[in-house]
PDB file of N, CA and C in Angstrom:
ATOM      1  N   MET A   1       5.006  15.898   8.673  1.00  0.00           N
ATOM      2  CA  MET A   1       4.068  16.183   7.605  1.00  0.00           C
ATOM      3  C   MET A   1       3.662  14.861   6.950  1.00  0.00           C
ATOM      4  N   PHE A   2       2.385  14.637   6.852  1.00  0.00           N
ATOM      5  CA  PHE A   2       1.885  13.413   6.237  1.00  0.00           C
ATOM      6  C   PHE A   2       1.442  13.693   4.811  1.00  0.00           C
ATOM      7  N   ARG A   3       1.719  12.745   3.947  1.00  0.00           N
ATOM      8  CA  ARG A   3       1.239  12.838   2.577  1.00  0.00           C
ATOM      9  C   ARG A   3       0.095  11.858   2.421  1.00  0.00           C
ATOM     10  N   ARG A   4      -0.973  12.293   1.844  1.00  0.00           N
ATOM     11  CA  ARG A   4      -2.097  11.400   1.574  1.00  0.00           C
ATOM     12  C   ARG A   4      -1.787  10.668   0.279  1.00  0.00           C
ATOM     13  N   LEU A   5      -1.837   9.374   0.363  1.00  0.00           N
ATOM     14  CA  LEU A   5      -1.410   8.550  -0.747  1.00  0.00           C
ATOM     15  C   LEU A   5      -2.373   7.399  -0.904  1.00  0.00           C
ATOM     16  N   GLN A   6      -2.945   7.273  -2.063  1.00  0.00           N
ATOM     17  CA  GLN A   6      -3.833   6.152  -2.335  1.00  0.00           C
ATOM     18  C   GLN A   6      -2.999   5.004  -2.880  1.00  0.00           C
ATOM     19  N   THR A   7      -3.148   3.849  -2.276  1.00  0.00           N
ATOM     20  CA  THR A   7      -2.375   2.696  -2.708  1.00  0.00           C
ATOM     21  C   THR A   7      -3.153   1.418  -2.436  1.00  0.00           C
ATOM     22  N   GLN A   8      -2.910   0.422  -3.201  1.00  0.00           N
ATOM     23  CA  GLN A   8      -3.546  -0.868  -2.982  1.00  0.00           C
ATOM     24  C   GLN A   8      -2.785  -1.605  -1.895  1.00  0.00           C
ATOM     25  N   VAL A   9      -3.529  -2.172  -0.960  1.00  0.00           N
ATOM     26  CA  VAL A   9      -2.925  -2.919   0.134  1.00  0.00           C
ATOM     27  C   VAL A   9      -3.310  -4.379  -0.032  1.00  0.00           C
ATOM     28  N   TYR A  10      -2.325  -5.236  -0.003  1.00  0.00           N
ATOM     29  CA  TYR A  10      -2.574  -6.663  -0.133  1.00  0.00           C
ATOM     30  C   TYR A  10      -2.625  -7.286   1.246  1.00  0.00           C
ATOM     31  N   GLY A  11      -3.658  -8.056   1.492  1.00  0.00           N
ATOM     32  CA  GLY A  11      -3.802  -8.705   2.783  1.00  0.00           C
ATOM     33  C   GLY A  11      -4.166 -10.165   2.599  1.00  0.00           C
ATOM     34  N   PRO A  12      -4.485 -10.808   3.710  1.00  0.00           N
ATOM     35  CA  PRO A  12      -4.735 -12.247   3.683  1.00  0.00           C
ATOM     36  C   PRO A  12      -6.172 -12.640   3.347  1.00  0.00           C
ATOM     37  N   GLY A  13      -6.918 -11.795   2.668  1.00  0.00           N
ATOM     38  CA  GLY A  13      -8.281 -12.154   2.313  1.00  0.00           C
ATOM     39  C   GLY A  13      -9.035 -10.983   1.716  1.00  0.00           C
ATOM     40  N   LYS A  14     -10.306 -11.210   1.408  1.00  0.00           N
ATOM     41  CA  LYS A  14     -11.151 -10.160   0.815  1.00  0.00           C
ATOM     42  C   LYS A  14     -11.807  -9.329   1.908  1.00  0.00           C
ATOM     43  N   ALA A  15     -11.906  -8.020   1.660  1.00  0.00           N
ATOM     44  CA  ALA A  15     -12.460  -7.088   2.636  1.00  0.00           C
ATOM     45  C   ALA A  15     -13.984  -7.147   2.657  1.00  0.00           C
ATOM     46  N   ARG A  16     -14.540  -7.097   3.861  1.00  0.00           N
ATOM     47  CA  ARG A  16     -15.983  -7.008   4.082  1.00  0.00           C
ATOM     48  C   ARG A  16     -16.368  -5.580   4.439  1.00  0.00           C
ATOM     49  N   ALA A  17     -15.515  -4.913   5.227  1.00  0.00           N
ATOM     50  CA  ALA A  17     -15.782  -3.545   5.668  1.00  0.00           C
ATOM     51  C   ALA A  17     -14.460  -2.820   5.859  1.00  0.00           C
ATOM     52  N   VAL A  18     -14.490  -1.502   5.654  1.00  0.00           N
ATOM     53  CA  VAL A  18     -13.300  -0.670   5.816  1.00  0.00           C
ATOM     54  C   VAL A  18     -13.677   0.550   6.640  1.00  0.00           C
ATOM     55  N   ALA A  19     -12.791   0.942   7.555  1.00  0.00           N
ATOM     56  CA  ALA A  19     -12.980   2.167   8.329  1.00  0.00           C
ATOM     57  C   ALA A  19     -11.641   2.895   8.361  1.00  0.00           C
ATOM     58  N   ALA A  20     -11.704   4.220   8.326  1.00  0.00           N
ATOM     59  CA  ALA A  20     -10.471   5.000   8.331  1.00  0.00           C
ATOM     60  C   ALA A  20     -10.563   6.114   9.347  1.00  0.00           C
ATOM     61  N   GLY A  21      -9.457   6.329  10.038  1.00  0.00           N
ATOM     62  CA  GLY A  21      -9.336   7.449  10.952  1.00  0.00           C
ATOM     63  C   GLY A  21      -8.411   8.481  10.344  1.00  0.00           C
ATOM     64  N   LEU A  22      -7.962   9.411  11.164  1.00  0.00           N
ATOM     65  CA  LEU A  22      -7.104  10.481  10.665  1.00  0.00           C
ATOM     66  C   LEU A  22      -5.792   9.944  10.106  1.00  0.00           C
ATOM     67  N   GLU A  23      -5.183   8.976  10.794  1.00  0.00           N
ATOM     68  CA  GLU A  23      -3.884   8.468  10.357  1.00  0.00           C
ATOM     69  C   GLU A  23      -3.805   6.949  10.409  1.00  0.00           C
ATOM     70  N   PHE A  24      -4.948   6.276  10.315  1.00  0.00           N
ATOM     71  CA  PHE A  24      -4.952   4.811  10.344  1.00  0.00           C
ATOM     72  C   PHE A  24      -6.168   4.280   9.608  1.00  0.00           C
ATOM     73  N   SER A  25      -6.109   3.008   9.226  1.00  0.00           N
ATOM     74  CA  SER A  25      -7.234   2.338   8.564  1.00  0.00           C
ATOM     75  C   SER A  25      -7.398   0.948   9.154  1.00  0.00           C
ATOM     76  N   LEU A  26      -8.643   0.472   9.180  1.00  0.00           N
ATOM     77  CA  LEU A  26      -8.969  -0.877   9.630  1.00  0.00           C
ATOM     78  C   LEU A  26      -9.755  -1.570   8.532  1.00  0.00           C
ATOM     79  N   VAL A  27      -9.530  -2.866   8.388  1.00  0.00           N
ATOM     80  CA  VAL A  27     -10.229  -3.649   7.378  1.00  0.00           C
ATOM     81  C   VAL A  27     -10.749  -4.930   8.034  1.00  0.00           C
ATOM     82  N   ALA A  28     -12.058  -5.166   7.930  1.00  0.00           N
ATOM     83  CA  ALA A  28     -12.637  -6.431   8.385  1.00  0.00           C
ATOM     84  C   ALA A  28     -12.729  -7.337   7.171  1.00  0.00           C
ATOM     85  N   LEU A  29     -12.197  -8.539   7.304  1.00  0.00           N
ATOM     86  CA  LEU A  29     -12.210  -9.490   6.201  1.00  0.00           C
ATOM     87  C   LEU A  29     -13.454 -10.369   6.245  1.00  0.00           C
ATOM     88  N   ASN A  30     -13.732 -11.032   5.146  1.00  0.00           N
ATOM     89  CA  ASN A  30     -14.853 -11.977   5.106  1.00  0.00           C
ATOM     90  C   ASN A  30     -14.712 -13.060   6.161  1.00  0.00           C
ATOM     91  N   SER A  31     -13.490 -13.355   6.582  1.00  0.00           N
ATOM     92  CA  SER A  31     -13.243 -14.365   7.614  1.00  0.00           C
ATOM     93  C   SER A  31     -13.632 -13.884   9.005  1.00  0.00           C
ATOM     94  N   GLY A  32     -13.886 -12.565   9.167  1.00  0.00           N
ATOM     95  CA  GLY A  32     -14.217 -11.998  10.468  1.00  0.00           C
ATOM     96  C   GLY A  32     -13.012 -11.431  11.193  1.00  0.00           C
ATOM     97  N   LYS A  33     -11.813 -11.608  10.654  1.00  0.00           N
ATOM     98  CA  LYS A  33     -10.613 -11.043  11.255  1.00  0.00           C
ATOM     99  C   LYS A  33     -10.489  -9.576  10.868  1.00  0.00           C
ATOM    100  N   VAL A  34      -9.812  -8.801  11.715  1.00  0.00           N
ATOM    101  CA  VAL A  34      -9.615  -7.375  11.465  1.00  0.00           C
ATOM    102  C   VAL A  34      -8.120  -7.090  11.363  1.00  0.00           C
ATOM    103  N   PHE A  35      -7.749  -6.350  10.332  1.00  0.00           N
ATOM    104  CA  PHE A  35      -6.364  -5.938  10.123  1.00  0.00           C
ATOM    105  C   PHE A  35      -6.315  -4.420  10.095  1.00  0.00           C
ATOM    106  N   GLY A  36      -5.213  -3.853  10.565  1.00  0.00           N
ATOM    107  CA  GLY A  36      -5.055  -2.410  10.568  1.00  0.00           C
ATOM    108  C   GLY A  36      -3.683  -2.013  10.091  1.00  0.00           C
ATOM    109  N   PHE A  37      -3.565  -0.768   9.676  1.00  0.00           N
ATOM    110  CA  PHE A  37      -2.275  -0.201   9.296  1.00  0.00           C
ATOM    111  C   PHE A  37      -2.348   1.299   9.439  1.00  0.00           C
ATOM    112  N   GLY A  38      -1.187   1.914   9.604  1.00  0.00           N
ATOM    113  CA  GLY A  38      -1.106   3.349   9.844  1.00  0.00           C
ATOM    114  C   GLY A  38      -0.626   3.609  11.258  1.00  0.00           C
ATOM    115  N   SER A  39      -1.083   4.710  11.850  1.00  0.00           N
ATOM    116  CA  SER A  39      -0.651   5.097  13.184  1.00  0.00           C
ATOM    117  C   SER A  39      -1.228   4.169  14.249  1.00  0.00           C
ATOM    118  N   ASN A  40      -0.395   3.792  15.192  1.00  0.00           N
ATOM    119  CA  ASN A  40      -0.830   3.016  16.354  1.00  0.00           C
ATOM    120  C   ASN A  40      -0.416   3.738  17.635  1.00  0.00           C
ATOM    121  N   LEU A  41      -0.312   5.064  17.551  1.00  0.00           N
ATOM    122  CA  LEU A  41       0.182   5.876  18.662  1.00  0.00           C
ATOM    123  C   LEU A  41      -0.608   5.617  19.942  1.00  0.00           C
ATOM    124  N   LYS A  42      -1.916   5.461  19.838  1.00  0.00           N
ATOM    125  CA  LYS A  42      -2.765   5.245  21.013  1.00  0.00           C
ATOM    126  C   LYS A  42      -3.456   3.887  20.957  1.00  0.00           C
ATOM    127  N   GLY A  43      -2.872   2.942  20.232  1.00  0.00           N
ATOM    128  CA  GLY A  43      -3.450   1.608  20.155  1.00  0.00           C
ATOM    129  C   GLY A  43      -4.629   1.500  19.201  1.00  0.00           C
ATOM    130  N   GLN A  44      -4.751   2.438  18.254  1.00  0.00           N
ATOM    131  CA  GLN A  44      -5.882   2.454  17.317  1.00  0.00           C
ATOM    132  C   GLN A  44      -6.005   1.176  16.504  1.00  0.00           C
ATOM    133  N   LEU A  45      -4.899   0.479  16.306  1.00  0.00           N
ATOM    134  CA  LEU A  45      -4.918  -0.716  15.467  1.00  0.00           C
ATOM    135  C   LEU A  45      -5.277  -1.976  16.252  1.00  0.00           C
ATOM    136  N   GLY A  46      -5.584  -1.814  17.530  1.00  0.00           N
ATOM    137  CA  GLY A  46      -5.900  -2.971  18.351  1.00  0.00           C
ATOM    138  C   GLY A  46      -4.659  -3.766  18.705  1.00  0.00           C
ATOM    139  N   LEU A  47      -3.527  -3.088  18.746  1.00  0.00           N
ATOM    140  CA  LEU A  47      -2.241  -3.718  19.024  1.00  0.00           C
ATOM    141  C   LEU A  47      -1.527  -2.962  20.128  1.00  0.00           C
ATOM    142  N   PRO A  48      -0.601  -3.619  20.806  1.00  0.00           N
ATOM    143  CA  PRO A  48       0.245  -2.868  21.735  1.00  0.00           C
ATOM    144  C   PRO A  48       0.990  -1.784  20.970  1.00  0.00           C
ATOM    145  N   PRO A  49       1.332  -0.676  21.591  1.00  0.00           N
ATOM    146  CA  PRO A  49       1.976   0.415  20.859  1.00  0.00           C
ATOM    147  C   PRO A  49       3.400   0.150  20.407  1.00  0.00           C
ATOM    148  N   GLN A  50       3.978  -0.989  20.733  1.00  0.00           N
ATOM    149  CA  GLN A  50       5.335  -1.289  20.285  1.00  0.00           C
ATOM    150  C   GLN A  50       5.390  -2.709  19.758  1.00  0.00           C
ATOM    151  N   GLY A  51       6.352  -2.978  18.913  1.00  0.00           N
ATOM    152  CA  GLY A  51       6.522  -4.323  18.392  1.00  0.00           C
ATOM    153  C   GLY A  51       7.409  -4.318  17.157  1.00  0.00           C
ATOM    154  N   SER A  52       7.840  -5.472  16.736  1.00  0.00           N
ATOM    155  CA  SER A  52       8.785  -5.560  15.631  1.00  0.00           C
ATOM    156  C   SER A  52       8.169  -5.151  14.295  1.00  0.00           C
ATOM    157  N   ALA A  53       6.835  -5.157  14.173  1.00  0.00           N
ATOM    158  CA  ALA A  53       6.201  -4.788  12.911  1.00  0.00           C
ATOM    159  C   ALA A  53       6.098  -3.274  12.751  1.00  0.00           C
ATOM    160  N   PHE A  54       6.490  -2.526  13.772  1.00  0.00           N
ATOM    161  CA  PHE A  54       6.270  -1.087  13.755  1.00  0.00           C
ATOM    162  C   PHE A  54       7.542  -0.307  13.499  1.00  0.00           C
ATOM    163  N   ILE A  55       7.369   0.856  12.921  1.00  0.00           N
ATOM    164  CA  ILE A  55       8.470   1.784  12.699  1.00  0.00           C
ATOM    165  C   ILE A  55       8.031   3.149  13.197  1.00  0.00           C
ATOM    166  N   VAL A  56       8.954   4.026  13.425  1.00  0.00           N
ATOM    167  CA  VAL A  56       8.617   5.399  13.788  1.00  0.00           C
ATOM    168  C   VAL A  56       8.405   6.156  12.489  1.00  0.00           C
ATOM    169  N   CYS A  57       7.181   6.685  12.293  1.00  0.00           N
ATOM    170  CA  CYS A  57       6.883   7.321  11.007  1.00  0.00           C
ATOM    171  C   CYS A  57       6.905   8.839  11.077  1.00  0.00           C
ATOM    172  N   SER A  58       6.739   9.445  12.238  1.00  0.00           N
ATOM    173  CA  SER A  58       6.785  10.897  12.344  1.00  0.00           C
ATOM    174  C   SER A  58       6.994  11.257  13.812  1.00  0.00           C
ATOM    175  N   GLY A  59       8.098  11.847  14.125  1.00  0.00           N
ATOM    176  CA  GLY A  59       8.391  12.169  15.516  1.00  0.00           C
ATOM    177  C   GLY A  59       8.443  10.889  16.333  1.00  0.00           C
ATOM    178  N   ALA A  60       7.638  10.815  17.383  1.00  0.00           N
ATOM    179  CA  ALA A  60       7.611   9.628  18.245  1.00  0.00           C
ATOM    180  C   ALA A  60       6.426   8.725  17.910  1.00  0.00           C
ATOM    181  N   GLN A  61       5.809   8.937  16.784  1.00  0.00           N
ATOM    182  CA  GLN A  61       4.621   8.169  16.414  1.00  0.00           C
ATOM    183  C   GLN A  61       4.997   6.793  15.892  1.00  0.00           C
ATOM    184  N   VAL A  62       4.342   5.772  16.411  1.00  0.00           N
ATOM    185  CA  VAL A  62       4.608   4.397  16.014  1.00  0.00           C
ATOM    186  C   VAL A  62       3.556   3.975  15.001  1.00  0.00           C
ATOM    187  N   CYS A  63       3.989   3.404  13.875  1.00  0.00           N
ATOM    188  CA  CYS A  63       3.029   3.024  12.847  1.00  0.00           C
ATOM    189  C   CYS A  63       3.533   1.829  12.052  1.00  0.00           C
ATOM    190  N   THR A  64       2.653   1.286  11.231  1.00  0.00           N
ATOM    191  CA  THR A  64       3.022   0.209  10.331  1.00  0.00           C
ATOM    192  C   THR A  64       2.394   0.480   8.971  1.00  0.00           C
ATOM    193  N   TYR A  65       3.124   0.161   7.913  1.00  0.00           N
ATOM    194  CA  TYR A  65       2.597   0.349   6.567  1.00  0.00           C
ATOM    195  C   TYR A  65       2.087  -0.950   5.966  1.00  0.00           C
ATOM    196  N   SER A  66       2.251  -2.041   6.680  1.00  0.00           N
ATOM    197  CA  SER A  66       1.737  -3.337   6.232  1.00  0.00           C
ATOM    198  C   SER A  66       0.599  -3.744   7.148  1.00  0.00           C
ATOM    199  N   PRO A  67      -0.444  -4.364   6.619  1.00  0.00           N
ATOM    200  CA  PRO A  67      -1.561  -4.782   7.467  1.00  0.00           C
ATOM    201  C   PRO A  67      -1.105  -5.776   8.537  1.00  0.00           C
ATOM    202  N   VAL A  68      -1.544  -5.532   9.767  1.00  0.00           N
ATOM    203  CA  VAL A  68      -1.272  -6.442  10.872  1.00  0.00           C
ATOM    204  C   VAL A  68      -2.597  -6.775  11.548  1.00  0.00           C
ATOM    205  N   GLU A  69      -2.738  -8.013  12.012  1.00  0.00           N
ATOM    206  CA  GLU A  69      -3.999  -8.448  12.601  1.00  0.00           C
ATOM    207  C   GLU A  69      -4.193  -7.835  13.982  1.00  0.00           C
ATOM    208  N   ALA A  70      -5.374  -7.275  14.214  1.00  0.00           N
ATOM    209  CA  ALA A  70      -5.736  -6.739  15.524  1.00  0.00           C
ATOM    210  C   ALA A  70      -5.927  -7.905  16.488  1.00  0.00           C
ATOM    211  N   ILE A  71      -5.523  -7.704  17.734  1.00  0.00           N
ATOM    212  CA  ILE A  71      -5.637  -8.769  18.724  1.00  0.00           C
ATOM    213  C   ILE A  71      -6.708  -8.429  19.750  1.00  0.00           C
ATOM    214  N   GLY A  72      -7.261  -9.457  20.384  1.00  0.00           N
ATOM    215  CA  GLY A  72      -8.223  -9.250  21.461  1.00  0.00           C
ATOM    216  C   GLY A  72      -9.635  -8.941  21.013  1.00  0.00           C
ATOM    217  N   LEU A  73      -9.943  -9.168  19.749  1.00  0.00           N
ATOM    218  CA  LEU A  73     -11.298  -8.908  19.259  1.00  0.00           C
ATOM    219  C   LEU A  73     -12.068 -10.219  19.187  1.00  0.00           C
ATOM    220  N   PRO A  74     -13.405 -10.141  19.297  1.00  0.00           N
ATOM    221  CA  PRO A  74     -14.191 -11.365  19.135  1.00  0.00           C
ATOM    222  C   PRO A  74     -14.111 -11.876  17.697  1.00  0.00           C
ATOM    223  N   ASP A  75     -14.448 -13.150  17.507  1.00  0.00           N
ATOM    224  CA  ASP A  75     -14.465 -13.721  16.163  1.00  0.00           C
ATOM    225  C   ASP A  75     -15.620 -13.139  15.362  1.00  0.00           C
ATOM    226  N   ASN A  76     -15.478 -13.201  14.045  1.00  0.00           N
ATOM    227  CA  ASN A  76     -16.546 -12.843  13.105  1.00  0.00           C
ATOM    228  C   ASN A  76     -16.999 -11.396  13.193  1.00  0.00           C
ATOM    229  N   ILE A  77     -16.072 -10.456  13.155  1.00  0.00           N
ATOM    230  CA  ILE A  77     -16.409  -9.030  13.072  1.00  0.00           C
ATOM    231  C   ILE A  77     -17.059  -8.779  11.716  1.00  0.00           C
ATOM    232  N   VAL A  78     -18.181  -8.074  11.704  1.00  0.00           N
ATOM    233  CA  VAL A  78     -18.919  -7.823  10.468  1.00  0.00           C
ATOM    234  C   VAL A  78     -18.857  -6.347  10.086  1.00  0.00           C
ATOM    235  N   VAL A  79     -18.913  -5.443  11.058  1.00  0.00           N
ATOM    236  CA  VAL A  79     -19.006  -4.003  10.788  1.00  0.00           C
ATOM    237  C   VAL A  79     -17.923  -3.278  11.557  1.00  0.00           C
ATOM    238  N   LEU A  80     -17.341  -2.257  10.952  1.00  0.00           N
ATOM    239  CA  LEU A  80     -16.401  -1.366  11.600  1.00  0.00           C
ATOM    240  C   LEU A  80     -16.982   0.029  11.601  1.00  0.00           C
ATOM    241  N   SER A  81     -16.668   0.828  12.615  1.00  0.00           N
ATOM    242  CA  SER A  81     -17.130   2.218  12.598  1.00  0.00           C
ATOM    243  C   SER A  81     -16.112   3.116  13.256  1.00  0.00           C
TER     244      SER A  81
END
C-alpha cells in the first residue's frame, strides 16, 4: 500500500521541468541533468534496477527516496514528458 505524501526534495540544483508517473518522479535541472526518485522496478528512473542507492519499498519493488542522477541521457535535457 502506497501513501501519497507531499514533501520537499533537495537536489543538486534548481528544477527546470518535473514529470511524475504512478510511483516515480523525474526532475530536469537548469544544468540539463535529470534526477529521479521513487519506483525503479522497470528502469523508470533511467538507472539499472539494482544498486546501493536502492531499497525494497513494497514487495519486490526497487525504489529510492533520494534523488539519483539518470544515466545514459544526452546533455542539456530541457523537457520531460
